[in-house]
């Protein structure tokens, strides 16, 4: 179980995330939605440790992570994919994934044992990395320098790195951002595969509401850093506060069709920021 209690951050007099309390259970994909400036990515940053909370706590499996660094939280089981790719551009695809596998494994590569032991350990790491690349349909790209990959393949590689870390929690911040119509389904299919493992927690920040409706088991809505809605997708989407203030829809609009939350680069539709 991942849990935040009264999680808050202030920048001077501005409260960017305001006392957000949520619990996230294994086997559930939770979508975090809201208009531009709602605090979605800031909330992610507080959970993963990129930002230090002004108040409140973050805990995973009953273990308090609030004072820990991002790397310590990663070792504890939090896996974060960013809106911008975060890869080693000068290394190959295989080398990137092997490094991520190596970071989670004890072995001769850490203990400085004899060359035969180190070679055997290196082979095991490589085989695990290749298995992950096969899962994300990138094995044929193993020897390709990351710098030469198209954007869509870089996002796929980012998912592979997360898988290599074997986290308890997968955190995706707009995983299809910047991808074209043909590339996006590949990432979404990978997330669908991850959902099959009911021991994992998945958090998804996404503004494309058709994606949210398909993938999410639960939706929470933030506005002005405050949690204003939490529940099953149909229930949250049907909520008047979500339809009017955050989606700019009437109940008739929300009953069918494909639509999107306000894009992060645009102001929220409806022009309202009141809390219910």
C-alpha atoms as a PDB file:
ATOM      1  CA  UNK A   1       0.000   0.000   0.000  1.00  0.00           C
ATOM      2  CA  UNK A   2       1.223   3.468  -0.948  1.00  0.00           C
ATOM      3  CA  UNK A   3      -0.183   6.214   1.226  1.00  0.00           C
ATOM      4  CA  UNK A   4       0.091   9.983   1.474  1.00  0.00           C
ATOM      5  CA  UNK A   5      -1.251  11.719   4.561  1.00  0.00           C
ATOM      6  CA  UNK A   6      -1.909  15.462   4.566  1.00  0.00           C
ATOM      7  CA  UNK A   7       0.841  15.851   1.960  1.00  0.00           C
ATOM      8  CA  UNK A   8       1.531  19.557   1.476  1.00  0.00           C
ATOM      9  CA  UNK A   9       4.062  21.819  -0.182  1.00  0.00           C
ATOM     10  CA  UNK A  10       4.241  25.607  -0.054  1.00  0.00           C
ATOM     11  CA  UNK A  11       6.261  27.919  -2.261  1.00  0.00           C
ATOM     12  CA  UNK A  12       6.285  31.157  -0.301  1.00  0.00           C
ATOM     13  CA  UNK A  13       2.628  32.024   0.197  1.00  0.00           C
ATOM     14  CA  UNK A  14       1.415  29.647  -2.526  1.00  0.00           C
ATOM     15  CA  UNK A  15       0.164  26.202  -1.502  1.00  0.00           C
ATOM     16  CA  UNK A  16       0.826  23.981  -4.538  1.00  0.00           C
ATOM     17  CA  UNK A  17      -0.386  20.743  -2.905  1.00  0.00           C
ATOM     18  CA  UNK A  18      -2.764  21.111  -0.005  1.00  0.00           C
ATOM     19  CA  UNK A  19      -3.078  18.315   2.582  1.00  0.00           C
ATOM     20  CA  UNK A  20      -3.703  15.508   0.079  1.00  0.00           C
ATOM     21  CA  UNK A  21      -4.468  12.189   1.749  1.00  0.00           C
ATOM     22  CA  UNK A  22      -4.779   9.121  -0.474  1.00  0.00           C
ATOM     23  CA  UNK A  23      -4.110   5.387  -0.223  1.00  0.00           C
ATOM     24  CA  UNK A  24      -3.237   3.343  -3.318  1.00  0.00           C
ATOM     25  CA  UNK A  25      -3.650  -0.428  -3.228  1.00  0.00           C
ATOM     26  CA  UNK A  26      -1.859  -3.103  -5.280  1.00  0.00           C
ATOM     27  CA  UNK A  27      -3.724  -4.272  -8.363  1.00  0.00           C
ATOM     28  CA  UNK A  28      -5.156  -0.818  -9.047  1.00  0.00           C
ATOM     29  CA  UNK A  29      -4.348   1.770 -11.693  1.00  0.00           C
ATOM     30  CA  UNK A  30      -5.227   5.236 -10.404  1.00  0.00           C
ATOM     31  CA  UNK A  31      -5.417   8.151 -12.837  1.00  0.00           C
ATOM     32  CA  UNK A  32      -4.645  11.600 -11.435  1.00  0.00           C
ATOM     33  CA  UNK A  33      -6.392  14.297 -13.460  1.00  0.00           C
ATOM     34  CA  UNK A  34      -7.143  18.008 -13.266  1.00  0.00           C
ATOM     35  CA  UNK A  35      -6.622  21.276 -15.145  1.00  0.00           C
ATOM     36  CA  UNK A  36      -3.328  23.010 -15.818  1.00  0.00           C
ATOM     37  CA  UNK A  37      -1.618  24.018 -12.575  1.00  0.00           C
ATOM     38  CA  UNK A  38      -3.758  21.668 -10.501  1.00  0.00           C
ATOM     39  CA  UNK A  39      -0.729  20.177  -8.725  1.00  0.00           C
ATOM     40  CA  UNK A  40      -0.668  16.753 -10.411  1.00  0.00           C
ATOM     41  CA  UNK A  41       3.035  16.642 -11.289  1.00  0.00           C
ATOM     42  CA  UNK A  42       3.933  18.413  -8.037  1.00  0.00           C
ATOM     43  CA  UNK A  43       2.086  15.665  -6.149  1.00  0.00           C
ATOM     44  CA  UNK A  44       4.103  13.095  -8.116  1.00  0.00           C
ATOM     45  CA  UNK A  45       7.307  14.950  -7.245  1.00  0.00           C
ATOM     46  CA  UNK A  46       6.432  14.857  -3.553  1.00  0.00           C
ATOM     47  CA  UNK A  47       5.783  11.106  -3.682  1.00  0.00           C
ATOM     48  CA  UNK A  48       8.982  10.305  -5.597  1.00  0.00           C
ATOM     49  CA  UNK A  49      11.119  12.723  -3.574  1.00  0.00           C
ATOM     50  CA  UNK A  50      12.029  15.293  -6.240  1.00  0.00           C
ATOM     51  CA  UNK A  51      10.417  17.842  -3.939  1.00  0.00           C
ATOM     52  CA  UNK A  52      10.521  17.891  -0.146  1.00  0.00           C
ATOM     53  CA  UNK A  53       7.144  18.230   1.540  1.00  0.00           C
ATOM     54  CA  UNK A  54       6.351  21.181   3.776  1.00  0.00           C
ATOM     55  CA  UNK A  55       4.058  18.924   5.795  1.00  0.00           C
ATOM     56  CA  UNK A  56       2.557  15.448   5.680  1.00  0.00           C
ATOM     57  CA  UNK A  57       3.978  11.992   5.003  1.00  0.00           C
ATOM     58  CA  UNK A  58       4.593   9.430   2.255  1.00  0.00           C
ATOM     59  CA  UNK A  59       4.665   5.740   3.176  1.00  0.00           C
ATOM     60  CA  UNK A  60       5.033   2.511   1.202  1.00  0.00           C
ATOM     61  CA  UNK A  61       4.192  -0.801   2.794  1.00  0.00           C
ATOM     62  CA  UNK A  62       4.026   0.913   6.174  1.00  0.00           C
ATOM     63  CA  UNK A  63       7.531   2.340   5.790  1.00  0.00           C
ATOM     64  CA  UNK A  64       7.828   6.117   6.118  1.00  0.00           C
ATOM     65  CA  UNK A  65       9.678   7.529   3.094  1.00  0.00           C
ATOM     66  CA  UNK A  66       9.052  11.208   3.805  1.00  0.00           C
ATOM     67  CA  UNK A  67      12.630  12.182   4.658  1.00  0.00           C
ATOM     68  CA  UNK A  68      14.310   9.925   2.116  1.00  0.00           C
ATOM     69  CA  UNK A  69      16.057  10.929  -1.114  1.00  0.00           C
ATOM     70  CA  UNK A  70      14.680  10.052  -4.579  1.00  0.00           C
ATOM     71  CA  UNK A  71      17.279   7.269  -4.972  1.00  0.00           C
ATOM     72  CA  UNK A  72      16.384   5.806  -1.575  1.00  0.00           C
ATOM     73  CA  UNK A  73      12.704   5.850  -2.534  1.00  0.00           C
ATOM     74  CA  UNK A  74      13.561   4.078  -5.782  1.00  0.00           C
ATOM     75  CA  UNK A  75      15.338   1.355  -3.800  1.00  0.00           C
ATOM     76  CA  UNK A  76      12.282   1.134  -1.545  1.00  0.00           C
ATOM     77  CA  UNK A  77      10.068   0.372  -4.545  1.00  0.00           C
ATOM     78  CA  UNK A  78       8.965   3.616  -6.217  1.00  0.00           C
ATOM     79  CA  UNK A  79       9.492   3.686  -9.989  1.00  0.00           C
ATOM     80  CA  UNK A  80       9.007   7.017 -11.776  1.00  0.00           C
ATOM     81  CA  UNK A  81       8.797   7.777 -15.508  1.00  0.00           C
ATOM     82  CA  UNK A  82       9.073  11.458 -16.372  1.00  0.00           C
ATOM     83  CA  UNK A  83       7.354  13.633 -18.975  1.00  0.00           C
ATOM     84  CA  UNK A  84      10.784  14.170 -20.513  1.00  0.00           C
ATOM     85  CA  UNK A  85      12.905  11.125 -21.273  1.00  0.00           C
ATOM     86  CA  UNK A  86      15.658  10.535 -18.745  1.00  0.00           C
ATOM     87  CA  UNK A  87      18.114   8.161 -20.438  1.00  0.00           C
ATOM     88  CA  UNK A  88      21.860   7.695 -20.988  1.00  0.00           C
ATOM     89  CA  UNK A  89      22.005   8.999 -24.547  1.00  0.00           C
ATOM     90  CA  UNK A  90      25.624   7.942 -25.160  1.00  0.00           C
ATOM     91  CA  UNK A  91      25.003   4.268 -24.340  1.00  0.00           C
ATOM     92  CA  UNK A  92      23.160   1.603 -26.297  1.00  0.00           C
ATOM     93  CA  UNK A  93      19.641   0.431 -25.564  1.00  0.00           C
ATOM     94  CA  UNK A  94      20.938  -2.789 -23.992  1.00  0.00           C
ATOM     95  CA  UNK A  95      23.511  -0.964 -21.867  1.00  0.00           C
ATOM     96  CA  UNK A  96      20.818   1.331 -20.465  1.00  0.00           C
ATOM     97  CA  UNK A  97      18.621  -1.549 -19.384  1.00  0.00           C
ATOM     98  CA  UNK A  98      21.529  -3.648 -18.093  1.00  0.00           C
ATOM     99  CA  UNK A  99      22.607  -0.770 -15.841  1.00  0.00           C
ATOM    100  CA  UNK A 100      19.091  -0.565 -14.425  1.00  0.00           C
ATOM    101  CA  UNK A 101      19.050  -4.329 -13.792  1.00  0.00           C
ATOM    102  CA  UNK A 102      22.505  -4.124 -12.220  1.00  0.00           C
ATOM    103  CA  UNK A 103      21.334  -1.412  -9.822  1.00  0.00           C
ATOM    104  CA  UNK A 104      18.856  -3.826  -8.229  1.00  0.00           C
ATOM    105  CA  UNK A 105      21.020  -6.950  -8.025  1.00  0.00           C
ATOM    106  CA  UNK A 106      23.680  -8.184  -5.653  1.00  0.00           C
ATOM    107  CA  UNK A 107      26.487 -10.081  -7.332  1.00  0.00           C
ATOM    108  CA  UNK A 108      30.103 -10.288  -8.380  1.00  0.00           C
ATOM    109  CA  UNK A 109      29.822  -7.004 -10.257  1.00  0.00           C
ATOM    110  CA  UNK A 110      29.491  -5.365  -6.835  1.00  0.00           C
ATOM    111  CA  UNK A 111      31.803  -7.542  -4.773  1.00  0.00           C
ATOM    112  CA  UNK A 112      34.931  -7.378  -6.946  1.00  0.00           C
ATOM    113  CA  UNK A 113      35.415 -11.164  -7.077  1.00  0.00           C
ATOM    114  CA  UNK A 114      37.425 -13.111  -9.651  1.00  0.00           C
ATOM    115  CA  UNK A 115      36.979 -12.533 -13.373  1.00  0.00           C
ATOM    116  CA  UNK A 116      35.055 -15.785 -13.956  1.00  0.00           C
ATOM    117  CA  UNK A 117      32.484 -14.836 -11.344  1.00  0.00           C
ATOM    118  CA  UNK A 118      32.210 -11.325 -12.718  1.00  0.00           C
ATOM    119  CA  UNK A 119      31.738 -12.656 -16.261  1.00  0.00           C
ATOM    120  CA  UNK A 120      29.002 -15.076 -15.148  1.00  0.00           C
ATOM    121  CA  UNK A 121      27.239 -12.301 -13.279  1.00  0.00           C
ATOM    122  CA  UNK A 122      27.541  -9.986 -16.287  1.00  0.00           C
ATOM    123  CA  UNK A 123      25.963 -12.646 -18.498  1.00  0.00           C
ATOM    124  CA  UNK A 124      23.026 -13.051 -16.109  1.00  0.00           C
ATOM    125  CA  UNK A 125      22.469  -9.288 -16.072  1.00  0.00           C
ATOM    126  CA  UNK A 126      22.581  -9.177 -19.868  1.00  0.00           C
ATOM    127  CA  UNK A 127      20.093 -12.036 -20.205  1.00  0.00           C
ATOM    128  CA  UNK A 128      17.665 -10.305 -17.847  1.00  0.00           C
ATOM    129  CA  UNK A 129      18.035  -7.039 -19.784  1.00  0.00           C
ATOM    130  CA  UNK A 130      17.393  -8.852 -23.063  1.00  0.00           C
ATOM    131  CA  UNK A 131      14.265 -10.470 -21.627  1.00  0.00           C
ATOM    132  CA  UNK A 132      12.917  -7.048 -20.666  1.00  0.00           C
ATOM    133  CA  UNK A 133      13.703  -5.616 -24.093  1.00  0.00           C
ATOM    134  CA  UNK A 134      11.858  -8.535 -25.655  1.00  0.00           C
ATOM    135  CA  UNK A 135       8.817  -7.662 -23.525  1.00  0.00           C
ATOM    136  CA  UNK A 136       8.773  -4.089 -24.809  1.00  0.00           C
ATOM    137  CA  UNK A 137       9.488  -5.190 -28.412  1.00  0.00           C
ATOM    138  CA  UNK A 138      12.911  -3.529 -28.507  1.00  0.00           C
ATOM    139  CA  UNK A 139      15.290  -6.490 -28.537  1.00  0.00           C
ATOM    140  CA  UNK A 140      16.213  -5.799 -32.155  1.00  0.00           C
ATOM    141  CA  UNK A 141      17.311  -2.314 -31.046  1.00  0.00           C
ATOM    142  CA  UNK A 142      19.755  -3.642 -28.422  1.00  0.00           C
ATOM    143  CA  UNK A 143      22.896  -2.238 -30.064  1.00  0.00           C
ATOM    144  CA  UNK A 144      21.326   1.065 -31.106  1.00  0.00           C
ATOM    145  CA  UNK A 145      22.695   4.202 -29.386  1.00  0.00           C
ATOM    146  CA  UNK A 146      19.906   5.820 -27.405  1.00  0.00           C
ATOM    147  CA  UNK A 147      20.653   9.214 -28.915  1.00  0.00           C
ATOM    148  CA  UNK A 148      19.552   7.928 -32.328  1.00  0.00           C
ATOM    149  CA  UNK A 149      16.197   6.515 -31.166  1.00  0.00           C
ATOM    150  CA  UNK A 150      12.964   8.214 -32.211  1.00  0.00           C
ATOM    151  CA  UNK A 151      10.939   9.742 -29.397  1.00  0.00           C
ATOM    152  CA  UNK A 152       8.457   6.860 -29.248  1.00  0.00           C
ATOM    153  CA  UNK A 153      11.215   4.270 -28.801  1.00  0.00           C
ATOM    154  CA  UNK A 154      12.795   6.387 -26.090  1.00  0.00           C
ATOM    155  CA  UNK A 155       9.513   6.309 -24.173  1.00  0.00           C
ATOM    156  CA  UNK A 156       9.364   2.517 -24.621  1.00  0.00           C
ATOM    157  CA  UNK A 157      12.916   2.288 -23.303  1.00  0.00           C
ATOM    158  CA  UNK A 158      11.908   4.359 -20.280  1.00  0.00           C
ATOM    159  CA  UNK A 159       9.242   1.767 -19.480  1.00  0.00           C
ATOM    160  CA  UNK A 160      11.869  -0.959 -19.887  1.00  0.00           C
ATOM    161  CA  UNK A 161      14.092   0.809 -17.353  1.00  0.00           C
ATOM    162  CA  UNK A 162      11.217   0.922 -14.894  1.00  0.00           C
ATOM    163  CA  UNK A 163      10.582  -2.788 -15.387  1.00  0.00           C
ATOM    164  CA  UNK A 164      14.285  -3.491 -14.796  1.00  0.00           C
ATOM    165  CA  UNK A 165      14.069  -1.756 -11.419  1.00  0.00           C
ATOM    166  CA  UNK A 166      11.223  -4.123 -10.424  1.00  0.00           C
ATOM    167  CA  UNK A 167       9.352  -1.434  -8.462  1.00  0.00           C
ATOM    168  CA  UNK A 168       6.313  -1.935  -6.286  1.00  0.00           C
ATOM    169  CA  UNK A 169       4.858   1.322  -7.663  1.00  0.00           C
ATOM    170  CA  UNK A 170       4.888   2.447 -11.303  1.00  0.00           C
ATOM    171  CA  UNK A 171       4.441   6.206 -11.742  1.00  0.00           C
ATOM    172  CA  UNK A 172       3.708   7.515 -15.251  1.00  0.00           C
ATOM    173  CA  UNK A 173       3.533  11.272 -15.873  1.00  0.00           C
ATOM    174  CA  UNK A 174       1.825  11.757 -19.252  1.00  0.00           C
ATOM    175  CA  UNK A 175       3.535   8.729 -20.825  1.00  0.00           C
ATOM    176  CA  UNK A 176       2.292   9.523 -24.345  1.00  0.00           C
ATOM    177  CA  UNK A 177       3.299  13.213 -24.290  1.00  0.00           C
ATOM    178  CA  UNK A 178       4.891  14.248 -27.575  1.00  0.00           C
ATOM    179  CA  UNK A 179       4.101  10.954 -29.288  1.00  0.00           C
ATOM    180  CA  UNK A 180       2.331  10.740 -32.623  1.00  0.00           C
ATOM    181  CA  UNK A 181      -0.855   8.798 -33.335  1.00  0.00           C
ATOM    182  CA  UNK A 182       1.016   5.611 -34.261  1.00  0.00           C
ATOM    183  CA  UNK A 183       3.451   5.631 -31.329  1.00  0.00           C
ATOM    184  CA  UNK A 184       1.069   6.188 -28.410  1.00  0.00           C
ATOM    185  CA  UNK A 185      -0.702   2.777 -28.559  1.00  0.00           C
ATOM    186  CA  UNK A 186       2.624   1.001 -27.987  1.00  0.00           C
ATOM    187  CA  UNK A 187       3.122   2.697 -24.613  1.00  0.00           C
ATOM    188  CA  UNK A 188      -0.509   2.137 -23.648  1.00  0.00           C
ATOM    189  CA  UNK A 189      -0.197  -1.554 -24.478  1.00  0.00           C
ATOM    190  CA  UNK A 190       2.839  -1.783 -22.183  1.00  0.00           C
ATOM    191  CA  UNK A 191       0.828  -0.221 -19.356  1.00  0.00           C
ATOM    192  CA  UNK A 192      -1.992  -2.700 -20.036  1.00  0.00           C
ATOM    193  CA  UNK A 193       0.529  -5.524 -19.648  1.00  0.00           C
ATOM    194  CA  UNK A 194       1.823  -4.070 -16.376  1.00  0.00           C
ATOM    195  CA  UNK A 195      -1.768  -3.924 -15.081  1.00  0.00           C
ATOM    196  CA  UNK A 196      -1.968  -7.723 -15.294  1.00  0.00           C
ATOM    197  CA  UNK A 197       0.400  -7.987 -12.335  1.00  0.00           C
ATOM    198  CA  UNK A 198      -2.000  -7.508  -9.427  1.00  0.00           C
ATOM    199  CA  UNK A 199       0.855  -7.083  -6.954  1.00  0.00           C
ATOM    200  CA  UNK A 200       1.789  -3.701  -8.437  1.00  0.00           C
ATOM    201  CA  UNK A 201       0.457  -0.175  -7.892  1.00  0.00           C
ATOM    202  CA  UNK A 202       0.196   2.071 -10.963  1.00  0.00           C
ATOM    203  CA  UNK A 203      -0.269   5.850 -10.841  1.00  0.00           C
ATOM    204  CA  UNK A 204      -0.968   7.705 -14.082  1.00  0.00           C
ATOM    205  CA  UNK A 205      -1.080  11.452 -14.731  1.00  0.00           C
ATOM    206  CA  UNK A 206      -2.885  11.835 -18.050  1.00  0.00           C
ATOM    207  CA  UNK A 207      -4.942  14.569 -19.725  1.00  0.00           C
ATOM    208  CA  UNK A 208      -6.391  12.374 -22.489  1.00  0.00           C
ATOM    209  CA  UNK A 209      -9.685  11.335 -21.004  1.00  0.00           C
ATOM    210  CA  UNK A 210     -10.296   8.490 -23.455  1.00  0.00           C
ATOM    211  CA  UNK A 211      -7.048   6.910 -22.191  1.00  0.00           C
ATOM    212  CA  UNK A 212      -8.106   7.476 -18.582  1.00  0.00           C
ATOM    213  CA  UNK A 213     -11.527   5.914 -19.150  1.00  0.00           C
ATOM    214  CA  UNK A 214      -9.994   2.786 -20.659  1.00  0.00           C
ATOM    215  CA  UNK A 215      -7.082   2.184 -18.281  1.00  0.00           C
ATOM    216  CA  UNK A 216      -8.109   3.545 -14.900  1.00  0.00           C
ATOM    217  CA  UNK A 217      -9.680   1.542 -12.094  1.00  0.00           C
ATOM    218  CA  UNK A 218      -9.931   4.753 -10.081  1.00  0.00           C
ATOM    219  CA  UNK A 219      -9.702   8.485 -10.743  1.00  0.00           C
ATOM    220  CA  UNK A 220      -8.685  11.236  -8.361  1.00  0.00           C
ATOM    221  CA  UNK A 221      -9.084  14.889  -9.324  1.00  0.00           C
ATOM    222  CA  UNK A 222      -6.878  17.717  -8.112  1.00  0.00           C
ATOM    223  CA  UNK A 223      -7.494  21.425  -8.500  1.00  0.00           C
ATOM    224  CA  UNK A 224      -5.474  24.217  -6.902  1.00  0.00           C
ATOM    225  CA  UNK A 225      -3.529  21.484  -5.143  1.00  0.00           C
ATOM    226  CA  UNK A 226      -6.626  20.128  -3.390  1.00  0.00           C
ATOM    227  CA  UNK A 227      -8.245  16.718  -3.792  1.00  0.00           C
ATOM    228  CA  UNK A 228     -11.810  17.386  -5.000  1.00  0.00           C
ATOM    229  CA  UNK A 229     -12.987  14.003  -6.327  1.00  0.00           C
ATOM    230  CA  UNK A 230     -12.023  10.359  -5.802  1.00  0.00           C
ATOM    231  CA  UNK A 231     -13.755   7.222  -7.001  1.00  0.00           C
ATOM    232  CA  UNK A 232     -14.589   4.842  -9.832  1.00  0.00           C
ATOM    233  CA  UNK A 233     -14.130   6.351 -13.319  1.00  0.00           C
ATOM    234  CA  UNK A 234     -17.838   6.447 -14.222  1.00  0.00           C
ATOM    235  CA  UNK A 235     -18.681   8.030 -10.884  1.00  0.00           C
ATOM    236  CA  UNK A 236     -15.981  10.688 -11.070  1.00  0.00           C
ATOM    237  CA  UNK A 237     -16.595  11.545 -14.728  1.00  0.00           C
ATOM    238  CA  UNK A 238     -20.322  11.930 -13.983  1.00  0.00           C
ATOM    239  CA  UNK A 239     -19.609  14.283 -11.082  1.00  0.00           C
ATOM    240  CA  UNK A 240     -20.916  17.799 -11.847  1.00  0.00           C
ATOM    241  CA  UNK A 241     -17.812  19.415 -10.376  1.00  0.00           C
ATOM    242  CA  UNK A 242     -15.598  17.434 -12.783  1.00  0.00           C
ATOM    243  CA  UNK A 243     -17.816  17.946 -15.828  1.00  0.00           C
ATOM    244  CA  UNK A 244     -18.226  21.680 -15.374  1.00  0.00           C
ATOM    245  CA  UNK A 245     -15.070  22.932 -13.707  1.00  0.00           C
ATOM    246  CA  UNK A 246     -12.440  20.579 -15.090  1.00  0.00           C
ATOM    247  CA  UNK A 247     -13.775  19.021 -18.279  1.00  0.00           C
ATOM    248  CA  UNK A 248     -16.032  21.846 -19.428  1.00  0.00           C
ATOM    249  CA  UNK A 249     -18.727  19.300 -20.285  1.00  0.00           C
ATOM    250  CA  UNK A 250     -22.437  18.898 -19.750  1.00  0.00           C
ATOM    251  CA  UNK A 251     -23.711  15.510 -18.516  1.00  0.00           C
ATOM    252  CA  UNK A 252     -24.818  14.769 -22.095  1.00  0.00           C
ATOM    253  CA  UNK A 253     -21.280  15.374 -23.389  1.00  0.00           C
ATOM    254  CA  UNK A 254     -19.760  13.037 -20.812  1.00  0.00           C
ATOM    255  CA  UNK A 255     -22.108  10.151 -21.648  1.00  0.00           C
ATOM    256  CA  UNK A 256     -20.201   9.153 -24.775  1.00  0.00           C
ATOM    257  CA  UNK A 257     -17.488   9.944 -27.266  1.00  0.00           C
ATOM    258  CA  UNK A 258     -13.812  10.747 -26.914  1.00  0.00           C
ATOM    259  CA  UNK A 259     -12.694  13.880 -25.153  1.00  0.00           C
ATOM    260  CA  UNK A 260      -9.695  15.219 -23.282  1.00  0.00           C
ATOM    261  CA  UNK A 261      -8.870  17.169 -20.204  1.00  0.00           C
ATOM    262  CA  UNK A 262      -7.523  20.665 -20.851  1.00  0.00           C
ATOM    263  CA  UNK A 263      -4.038  20.299 -22.292  1.00  0.00           C
ATOM    264  CA  UNK A 264      -1.232  21.199 -19.843  1.00  0.00           C
ATOM    265  CA  UNK A 265      -0.228  24.105 -22.077  1.00  0.00           C
ATOM    266  CA  UNK A 266      -3.734  25.597 -22.072  1.00  0.00           C
ATOM    267  CA  UNK A 267      -5.819  27.218 -19.314  1.00  0.00           C
ATOM    268  CA  UNK A 268      -8.539  25.027 -17.753  1.00  0.00           C
ATOM    269  CA  UNK A 269     -11.877  25.125 -19.506  1.00  0.00           C
ATOM    270  CA  UNK A 270     -14.858  26.512 -17.674  1.00  0.00           C
ATOM    271  CA  UNK A 271     -12.716  29.148 -15.960  1.00  0.00           C
ATOM    272  CA  UNK A 272     -13.626  27.926 -12.488  1.00  0.00           C
ATOM    273  CA  UNK A 273     -11.248  26.999  -9.718  1.00  0.00           C
ATOM    274  CA  UNK A 274     -13.641  26.771  -6.773  1.00  0.00           C
ATOM    275  CA  UNK A 275     -13.541  23.816  -4.462  1.00  0.00           C
ATOM    276  CA  UNK A 276     -16.793  21.924  -4.090  1.00  0.00           C
END
